[in-house]
Full PDB file with SEQRES, HELIX, SHEET, SSBOND, CRYST1, ORIGX, SCALE, CONECT and MASTER records, all heavy atoms in Angstrom:
SEQRES   1 A   32  GLY SER LEU ARG LEU SER CYS ALA ALA SER GLY GLY SER          
SEQRES   2 A   32  PHE THR PHE ASN SER MET GLY TRP TYR ARG GLN ALA PRO          
SEQRES   3 A   32  GLY ARG GLN ARG GLU LEU                                      
CRYST1    1.000    1.000    1.000  90.00  90.00  90.00 P 1           1          
ORIGX1      1.000000  0.000000  0.000000        0.00000                         
ORIGX2      0.000000  1.000000  0.000000        0.00000                         
ORIGX3      0.000000  0.000000  1.000000        0.00000                         
SCALE1      1.000000  0.000000  0.000000        0.00000                         
SCALE2      0.000000  1.000000  0.000000        0.00000                         
SCALE3      0.000000  0.000000  1.000000        0.00000                         
ATOM      1  N   GLY A   1       0.799  -1.206   0.000  1.00  0.00           N  
ATOM      2  CA  GLY A   1       0.000   0.001   0.000  1.00  0.00           C  
ATOM      3  C   GLY A   1       0.835   1.260   0.000  1.00  0.00           C  
ATOM      4  O   GLY A   1       2.066   1.219  -0.028  1.00  0.00           O  
ATOM      5  N   SER A   2       0.143   2.393   0.058  1.00  0.00           N  
ATOM      6  CA  SER A   2       0.803   3.693  -0.010  1.00  0.00           C  
ATOM      7  C   SER A   2       0.297   4.627   1.072  1.00  0.00           C  
ATOM      8  O   SER A   2      -0.847   4.529   1.513  1.00  0.00           O  
ATOM      9  CB  SER A   2       0.567   4.351  -1.369  1.00  0.00           C  
ATOM     10  OG  SER A   2       1.103   3.575  -2.427  1.00  0.00           O  
ATOM     11  N   LEU A   3       1.157   5.532   1.481  1.00  0.00           N  
ATOM     12  CA  LEU A   3       0.811   6.608   2.389  1.00  0.00           C  
ATOM     13  C   LEU A   3       1.555   7.856   1.967  1.00  0.00           C  
ATOM     14  O   LEU A   3       2.637   7.772   1.377  1.00  0.00           O  
ATOM     15  CB  LEU A   3       1.188   6.279   3.832  1.00  0.00           C  
ATOM     16  CG  LEU A   3       0.295   5.337   4.637  1.00  0.00           C  
ATOM     17  CD1 LEU A   3       0.939   5.072   5.998  1.00  0.00           C  
ATOM     18  CD2 LEU A   3      -1.093   5.922   4.818  1.00  0.00           C  
ATOM     19  N   ARG A   4       0.978   8.997   2.290  1.00  0.00           N  
ATOM     20  CA  ARG A   4       1.631  10.270   2.047  1.00  0.00           C  
ATOM     21  C   ARG A   4       1.696  11.042   3.360  1.00  0.00           C  
ATOM     22  O   ARG A   4       0.662  11.402   3.927  1.00  0.00           O  
ATOM     23  CB  ARG A   4       0.876  11.088   0.998  1.00  0.00           C  
ATOM     24  CG  ARG A   4       1.556  12.416   0.640  1.00  0.00           C  
ATOM     25  CD  ARG A   4       0.805  13.114  -0.485  1.00  0.00           C  
ATOM     26  NE  ARG A   4       1.338  14.428  -0.804  1.00  0.00           N  
ATOM     27  CZ  ARG A   4       2.365  14.659  -1.620  1.00  0.00           C  
ATOM     28  NH1 ARG A   4       2.990  13.640  -2.209  1.00  0.00           N  
ATOM     29  NH2 ARG A   4       2.763  15.896  -1.852  1.00  0.00           N  
ATOM     30  N   LEU A   5       2.899  11.271   3.834  1.00  0.00           N  
ATOM     31  CA  LEU A   5       3.111  12.023   5.053  1.00  0.00           C  
ATOM     32  C   LEU A   5       3.317  13.494   4.740  1.00  0.00           C  
ATOM     33  O   LEU A   5       3.923  13.842   3.725  1.00  0.00           O  
ATOM     34  CB  LEU A   5       4.328  11.500   5.816  1.00  0.00           C  
ATOM     35  CG  LEU A   5       4.348  10.013   6.173  1.00  0.00           C  
ATOM     36  CD1 LEU A   5       5.590   9.697   6.997  1.00  0.00           C  
ATOM     37  CD2 LEU A   5       3.091   9.611   6.928  1.00  0.00           C  
ATOM     38  N   SER A   6       2.822  14.336   5.619  1.00  0.00           N  
ATOM     39  CA  SER A   6       2.984  15.771   5.470  1.00  0.00           C  
ATOM     40  C   SER A   6       3.596  16.342   6.738  1.00  0.00           C  
ATOM     41  O   SER A   6       3.359  15.845   7.834  1.00  0.00           O  
ATOM     42  CB  SER A   6       1.642  16.455   5.207  1.00  0.00           C  
ATOM     43  OG  SER A   6       1.039  15.972   4.026  1.00  0.00           O  
ATOM     44  N   CYS A   7       4.354  17.400   6.576  1.00  0.00           N  
ATOM     45  CA  CYS A   7       4.941  18.097   7.709  1.00  0.00           C  
ATOM     46  C   CYS A   7       4.865  19.584   7.450  1.00  0.00           C  
ATOM     47  O   CYS A   7       5.337  20.062   6.409  1.00  0.00           O  
ATOM     48  CB  CYS A   7       6.393  17.674   7.921  1.00  0.00           C  
ATOM     49  SG  CYS A   7       7.255  18.604   9.210  1.00  0.00           S  
ATOM     50  N   ALA A   8       4.296  20.303   8.383  1.00  0.00           N  
ATOM     51  CA  ALA A   8       4.161  21.746   8.269  1.00  0.00           C  
ATOM     52  C   ALA A   8       4.929  22.437   9.385  1.00  0.00           C  
ATOM     53  O   ALA A   8       4.838  22.033  10.550  1.00  0.00           O  
ATOM     54  CB  ALA A   8       2.692  22.148   8.315  1.00  0.00           C  
ATOM     55  N   ALA A   9       5.675  23.454   9.019  1.00  0.00           N  
ATOM     56  CA  ALA A   9       6.425  24.236   9.992  1.00  0.00           C  
ATOM     57  C   ALA A   9       5.660  25.491  10.361  1.00  0.00           C  
ATOM     58  O   ALA A   9       4.975  26.081   9.534  1.00  0.00           O  
ATOM     59  CB  ALA A   9       7.791  24.612   9.432  1.00  0.00           C  
ATOM     60  N   SER A  10       5.809  25.900  11.593  1.00  0.00           N  
ATOM     61  CA  SER A  10       5.183  27.117  12.070  1.00  0.00           C  
ATOM     62  C   SER A  10       6.079  27.780  13.111  1.00  0.00           C  
ATOM     63  O   SER A  10       7.054  27.187  13.578  1.00  0.00           O  
ATOM     64  CB  SER A  10       3.806  26.826  12.680  1.00  0.00           C  
ATOM     65  OG  SER A  10       3.926  25.970  13.808  1.00  0.00           O  
ATOM     66  N   GLY A  11       5.751  29.015  13.456  1.00  0.00           N  
ATOM     67  CA  GLY A  11       6.470  29.679  14.519  1.00  0.00           C  
ATOM     68  C   GLY A  11       7.279  30.898  14.120  1.00  0.00           C  
ATOM     69  O   GLY A  11       7.993  31.457  14.956  1.00  0.00           O  
ATOM     70  N   GLY A  12       7.191  31.306  12.867  1.00  0.00           N  
ATOM     71  CA  GLY A  12       7.920  32.482  12.449  1.00  0.00           C  
ATOM     72  C   GLY A  12       8.251  32.483  10.974  1.00  0.00           C  
ATOM     73  O   GLY A  12       7.777  31.638  10.214  1.00  0.00           O  
ATOM     74  N   SER A  13       9.073  33.438  10.607  1.00  0.00           N  
ATOM     75  CA  SER A  13       9.529  33.570   9.228  1.00  0.00           C  
ATOM     76  C   SER A  13      10.964  33.048   9.144  1.00  0.00           C  
ATOM     77  O   SER A  13      11.873  33.604   9.773  1.00  0.00           O  
ATOM     78  CB  SER A  13       9.461  35.025   8.780  1.00  0.00           C  
ATOM     79  OG  SER A  13       9.921  35.170   7.453  1.00  0.00           O  
ATOM     80  N   PHE A  14      11.160  32.006   8.370  1.00  0.00           N  
ATOM     81  CA  PHE A  14      12.473  31.387   8.278  1.00  0.00           C  
ATOM     82  C   PHE A  14      12.543  30.528   7.026  1.00  0.00           C  
ATOM     83  O   PHE A  14      11.525  30.252   6.391  1.00  0.00           O  
ATOM     84  CB  PHE A  14      12.754  30.526   9.522  1.00  0.00           C  
ATOM     85  CG  PHE A  14      11.569  29.716   9.960  1.00  0.00           C  
ATOM     86  CD1 PHE A  14      11.205  28.568   9.297  1.00  0.00           C  
ATOM     87  CD2 PHE A  14      10.808  30.123  11.050  1.00  0.00           C  
ATOM     88  CE1 PHE A  14      10.109  27.821   9.689  1.00  0.00           C  
ATOM     89  CE2 PHE A  14       9.705  29.385  11.465  1.00  0.00           C  
ATOM     90  CZ  PHE A  14       9.358  28.237  10.782  1.00  0.00           C  
ATOM     91  N   THR A  15      13.749  30.103   6.716  1.00  0.00           N  
ATOM     92  CA  THR A  15      13.981  29.206   5.595  1.00  0.00           C  
ATOM     93  C   THR A  15      14.834  28.044   6.080  1.00  0.00           C  
ATOM     94  O   THR A  15      15.889  28.246   6.690  1.00  0.00           O  
ATOM     95  CB  THR A  15      14.690  29.924   4.431  1.00  0.00           C  
ATOM     96  OG1 THR A  15      13.894  31.016   3.982  1.00  0.00           O  
ATOM     97  CG2 THR A  15      14.921  28.959   3.285  1.00  0.00           C  
ATOM     98  N   PHE A  16      14.368  26.860   5.817  1.00  0.00           N  
ATOM     99  CA  PHE A  16      15.123  25.674   6.193  1.00  0.00           C  
ATOM    100  C   PHE A  16      16.165  25.353   5.129  1.00  0.00           C  
ATOM    101  O   PHE A  16      15.853  25.292   3.942  1.00  0.00           O  
ATOM    102  CB  PHE A  16      14.195  24.473   6.356  1.00  0.00           C  
ATOM    103  CG  PHE A  16      13.318  24.537   7.567  1.00  0.00           C  
ATOM    104  CD1 PHE A  16      12.014  24.984   7.464  1.00  0.00           C  
ATOM    105  CD2 PHE A  16      13.795  24.146   8.803  1.00  0.00           C  
ATOM    106  CE1 PHE A  16      11.193  25.047   8.570  1.00  0.00           C  
ATOM    107  CE2 PHE A  16      12.990  24.198   9.925  1.00  0.00           C  
ATOM    108  CZ  PHE A  16      11.690  24.649   9.815  1.00  0.00           C  
ATOM    109  N   ASN A  17      17.401  25.153   5.562  1.00  0.00           N  
ATOM    110  CA  ASN A  17      18.433  24.677   4.645  1.00  0.00           C  
ATOM    111  C   ASN A  17      18.084  23.289   4.136  1.00  0.00           C  
ATOM    112  O   ASN A  17      18.323  22.952   2.975  1.00  0.00           O  
ATOM    113  CB  ASN A  17      19.804  24.621   5.325  1.00  0.00           C  
ATOM    114  CG  ASN A  17      20.339  25.983   5.694  1.00  0.00           C  
ATOM    115  OD1 ASN A  17      21.123  26.091   6.625  1.00  0.00           O  
ATOM    116  ND2 ASN A  17      19.922  27.018   4.987  1.00  0.00           N  
ATOM    117  N   SER A  18      17.541  22.505   5.030  1.00  0.00           N  
ATOM    118  CA  SER A  18      17.202  21.131   4.702  1.00  0.00           C  
ATOM    119  C   SER A  18      15.941  20.733   5.444  1.00  0.00           C  
ATOM    120  O   SER A  18      15.742  21.117   6.594  1.00  0.00           O  
ATOM    121  CB  SER A  18      18.352  20.192   5.084  1.00  0.00           C  
ATOM    122  OG  SER A  18      18.022  18.839   4.831  1.00  0.00           O  
ATOM    123  N   MET A  19      15.099  19.978   4.786  1.00  0.00           N  
ATOM    124  CA  MET A  19      13.928  19.384   5.413  1.00  0.00           C  
ATOM    125  C   MET A  19      13.826  17.939   4.957  1.00  0.00           C  
ATOM    126  O   MET A  19      14.215  17.609   3.836  1.00  0.00           O  
ATOM    127  CB  MET A  19      12.646  20.124   5.046  1.00  0.00           C  
ATOM    128  CG  MET A  19      12.552  21.547   5.560  1.00  0.00           C  
ATOM    129  SD  MET A  19      10.886  22.255   5.347  1.00  0.00           S  
ATOM    130  CE  MET A  19      10.003  21.439   6.701  1.00  0.00           C  
ATOM    131  N   GLY A  20      13.305  17.113   5.826  1.00  0.00           N  
ATOM    132  CA  GLY A  20      13.170  15.725   5.436  1.00  0.00           C  
ATOM    133  C   GLY A  20      12.556  14.870   6.510  1.00  0.00           C  
ATOM    134  O   GLY A  20      11.843  15.362   7.394  1.00  0.00           O  
ATOM    135  N   TRP A  21      12.861  13.585   6.417  1.00  0.00           N  
ATOM    136  CA  TRP A  21      12.224  12.597   7.263  1.00  0.00           C  
ATOM    137  C   TRP A  21      13.220  11.594   7.801  1.00  0.00           C  
ATOM    138  O   TRP A  21      14.104  11.123   7.078  1.00  0.00           O  
ATOM    139  CB  TRP A  21      11.145  11.843   6.471  1.00  0.00           C  
ATOM    140  CG  TRP A  21      10.053  12.730   5.987  1.00  0.00           C  
ATOM    141  CD1 TRP A  21      10.005  13.417   4.813  1.00  0.00           C  
ATOM    142  CD2 TRP A  21       8.840  13.025   6.681  1.00  0.00           C  
ATOM    143  NE1 TRP A  21       8.837  14.130   4.729  1.00  0.00           N  
ATOM    144  CE2 TRP A  21       8.102  13.909   5.864  1.00  0.00           C  
ATOM    145  CE3 TRP A  21       8.309  12.638   7.910  1.00  0.00           C  
ATOM    146  CZ2 TRP A  21       6.855  14.397   6.239  1.00  0.00           C  
ATOM    147  CZ3 TRP A  21       7.074  13.130   8.285  1.00  0.00           C  
ATOM    148  CH2 TRP A  21       6.362  13.994   7.449  1.00  0.00           C  
ATOM    149  N   TYR A  22      13.076  11.288   9.066  1.00  0.00           N  
ATOM    150  CA  TYR A  22      13.771  10.203   9.714  1.00  0.00           C  
ATOM    151  C   TYR A  22      12.732   9.217  10.230  1.00  0.00           C  
ATOM    152  O   TYR A  22      11.553   9.546  10.328  1.00  0.00           O  
ATOM    153  CB  TYR A  22      14.615  10.706  10.881  1.00  0.00           C  
ATOM    154  CG  TYR A  22      15.890  11.409  10.487  1.00  0.00           C  
ATOM    155  CD1 TYR A  22      15.863  12.657   9.886  1.00  0.00           C  
ATOM    156  CD2 TYR A  22      17.130  10.824  10.737  1.00  0.00           C  
ATOM    157  CE1 TYR A  22      17.028  13.312   9.526  1.00  0.00           C  
ATOM    158  CE2 TYR A  22      18.304  11.471  10.393  1.00  0.00           C  
ATOM    159  CZ  TYR A  22      18.250  12.709   9.794  1.00  0.00           C  
ATOM    160  OH  TYR A  22      19.418  13.339   9.455  1.00  0.00           O  
ATOM    161  N   ARG A  23      13.180   8.039  10.572  1.00  0.00           N  
ATOM    162  CA  ARG A  23      12.269   7.071  11.170  1.00  0.00           C  
ATOM    163  C   ARG A  23      12.997   6.253  12.224  1.00  0.00           C  
ATOM    164  O   ARG A  23      14.212   6.115  12.193  1.00  0.00           O  
ATOM    165  CB  ARG A  23      11.657   6.146  10.115  1.00  0.00           C  
ATOM    166  CG  ARG A  23      12.637   5.179   9.462  1.00  0.00           C  
ATOM    167  CD  ARG A  23      11.952   4.401   8.362  1.00  0.00           C  
ATOM    168  NE  ARG A  23      12.852   3.466   7.708  1.00  0.00           N  
ATOM    169  CZ  ARG A  23      12.561   2.769   6.626  1.00  0.00           C  
ATOM    170  NH1 ARG A  23      11.352   2.901   6.062  1.00  0.00           N  
ATOM    171  NH2 ARG A  23      13.432   1.932   6.091  1.00  0.00           N  
ATOM    172  N   GLN A  24      12.226   5.723  13.143  1.00  0.00           N  
ATOM    173  CA  GLN A  24      12.773   4.895  14.194  1.00  0.00           C  
ATOM    174  C   GLN A  24      11.821   3.745  14.482  1.00  0.00           C  
ATOM    175  O   GLN A  24      10.673   3.957  14.865  1.00  0.00           O  
ATOM    176  CB  GLN A  24      13.019   5.704  15.466  1.00  0.00           C  
ATOM    177  CG  GLN A  24      13.754   4.941  16.546  1.00  0.00           C  
ATOM    178  CD  GLN A  24      14.256   5.848  17.653  1.00  0.00           C  
ATOM    179  OE1 GLN A  24      13.710   6.918  17.882  1.00  0.00           O  
ATOM    180  NE2 GLN A  24      15.308   5.426  18.331  1.00  0.00           N  
ATOM    181  N   ALA A  25      12.323   2.547  14.282  1.00  0.00           N  
ATOM    182  CA  ALA A  25      11.567   1.341  14.575  1.00  0.00           C  
ATOM    183  C   ALA A  25      11.925   0.852  15.971  1.00  0.00           C  
ATOM    184  O   ALA A  25      13.000   1.166  16.492  1.00  0.00           O  
ATOM    185  CB  ALA A  25      11.873   0.258  13.541  1.00  0.00           C  
ATOM    186  N   PRO A  26      11.051   0.080  16.603  1.00  0.00           N  
ATOM    187  CA  PRO A  26      11.348  -0.434  17.940  1.00  0.00           C  
ATOM    188  C   PRO A  26      12.671  -1.182  17.980  1.00  0.00           C  
ATOM    189  O   PRO A  26      12.937  -2.038  17.138  1.00  0.00           O  
ATOM    190  CB  PRO A  26      10.171  -1.373  18.220  1.00  0.00           C  
ATOM    191  CG  PRO A  26       9.051  -0.821  17.404  1.00  0.00           C  
ATOM    192  CD  PRO A  26       9.709  -0.332  16.145  1.00  0.00           C  
ATOM    193  N   GLY A  27      13.506  -0.831  18.948  1.00  0.00           N  
ATOM    194  CA  GLY A  27      14.782  -1.493  19.109  1.00  0.00           C  
ATOM    195  C   GLY A  27      15.858  -1.075  18.133  1.00  0.00           C  
ATOM    196  O   GLY A  27      16.943  -1.664  18.129  1.00  0.00           O  
ATOM    197  N   ARG A  28      15.579  -0.084  17.308  1.00  0.00           N  
ATOM    198  CA  ARG A  28      16.551   0.372  16.329  1.00  0.00           C  
ATOM    199  C   ARG A  28      16.829   1.858  16.493  1.00  0.00           C  
ATOM    200  O   ARG A  28      16.046   2.593  17.095  1.00  0.00           O  
ATOM    201  CB  ARG A  28      16.060   0.089  14.911  1.00  0.00           C  
ATOM    202  CG  ARG A  28      15.803  -1.377  14.626  1.00  0.00           C  
ATOM    203  CD  ARG A  28      15.443  -1.603  13.188  1.00  0.00           C  
ATOM    204  NE  ARG A  28      16.534  -1.232  12.288  1.00  0.00           N  
ATOM    205  CZ  ARG A  28      16.476  -1.331  10.964  1.00  0.00           C  
ATOM    206  NH1 ARG A  28      15.382  -1.800  10.390  1.00  0.00           N  
ATOM    207  NH2 ARG A  28      17.511  -0.962  10.221  1.00  0.00           N  
ATOM    208  N   GLN A  29      17.943   2.292  15.944  1.00  0.00           N  
ATOM    209  CA  GLN A  29      18.299   3.698  15.988  1.00  0.00           C  
ATOM    210  C   GLN A  29      17.517   4.491  14.955  1.00  0.00           C  
ATOM    211  O   GLN A  29      17.064   3.952  13.942  1.00  0.00           O  
ATOM    212  CB  GLN A  29      19.799   3.879  15.738  1.00  0.00           C  
ATOM    213  CG  GLN A  29      20.695   3.357  16.841  1.00  0.00           C  
ATOM    214  CD  GLN A  29      22.145   3.691  16.592  1.00  0.00           C  
ATOM    215  OE1 GLN A  29      22.660   3.488  15.498  1.00  0.00           O  
ATOM    216  NE2 GLN A  29      22.806   4.222  17.614  1.00  0.00           N  
ATOM    217  N   ARG A  30      17.372   5.761  15.220  1.00  0.00           N  
ATOM    218  CA  ARG A  30      16.733   6.636  14.263  1.00  0.00           C  
ATOM    219  C   ARG A  30      17.615   6.754  13.022  1.00  0.00           C  
ATOM    220  O   ARG A  30      18.830   6.917  13.123  1.00  0.00           O  
ATOM    221  CB  ARG A  30      16.501   8.016  14.878  1.00  0.00           C  
ATOM    222  CG  ARG A  30      15.666   8.949  14.027  1.00  0.00           C  
ATOM    223  CD  ARG A  30      15.328  10.239  14.768  1.00  0.00           C  
ATOM    224  NE  ARG A  30      14.521   9.989  15.957  1.00  0.00           N  
ATOM    225  CZ  ARG A  30      13.965  10.941  16.689  1.00  0.00           C  
ATOM    226  NH1 ARG A  30      14.109  12.211  16.353  1.00  0.00           N  
ATOM    227  NH2 ARG A  30      13.258  10.625  17.770  1.00  0.00           N  
ATOM    228  N   GLU A  31      16.999   6.670  11.859  1.00  0.00           N  
ATOM    229  CA  GLU A  31      17.747   6.705  10.616  1.00  0.00           C  
ATOM    230  C   GLU A  31      17.129   7.676   9.628  1.00  0.00           C  
ATOM    231  O   GLU A  31      15.922   7.914   9.632  1.00  0.00           O  
ATOM    232  CB  GLU A  31      17.810   5.310   9.983  1.00  0.00           C  
ATOM    233  CG  GLU A  31      16.455   4.763   9.560  1.00  0.00           C  
ATOM    234  CD  GLU A  31      16.541   3.431   8.847  1.00  0.00           C  
ATOM    235  OE1 GLU A  31      17.670   2.983   8.545  1.00  0.00           O  
ATOM    236  OE2 GLU A  31      15.478   2.825   8.586  1.00  0.00           O  
ATOM    237  N   LEU A  32      17.982   8.219   8.784  1.00  0.00           N  
ATOM    238  CA  LEU A  32      17.513   9.095   7.721  1.00  0.00           C  
ATOM    239  C   LEU A  32      16.734   8.300   6.691  1.00  0.00           C  
ATOM    240  O   LEU A  32      17.173   7.244   6.240  1.00  0.00           O  
ATOM    241  CB  LEU A  32      18.700   9.780   7.050  1.00  0.00           C  
ATOM    242  CG  LEU A  32      18.378  10.606   5.797  1.00  0.00           C  
ATOM    243  CD1 LEU A  32      17.596  11.865   6.175  1.00  0.00           C  
ATOM    244  CD2 LEU A  32      19.658  10.978   5.051  1.00  0.00           C  
TER     245      LEU A  32                                                      
MASTER        0    0    0    0    0    0    0    6  244    1    0    3          
END                                                                             
């Protein structure tokens, strides 16, 4: 199947050099 994740930033006026996603499964380290 498929999913589409969204992420919205708030809190001021700024520009991100980089944006993206990490994930962490049980018992594992967070990974890019």
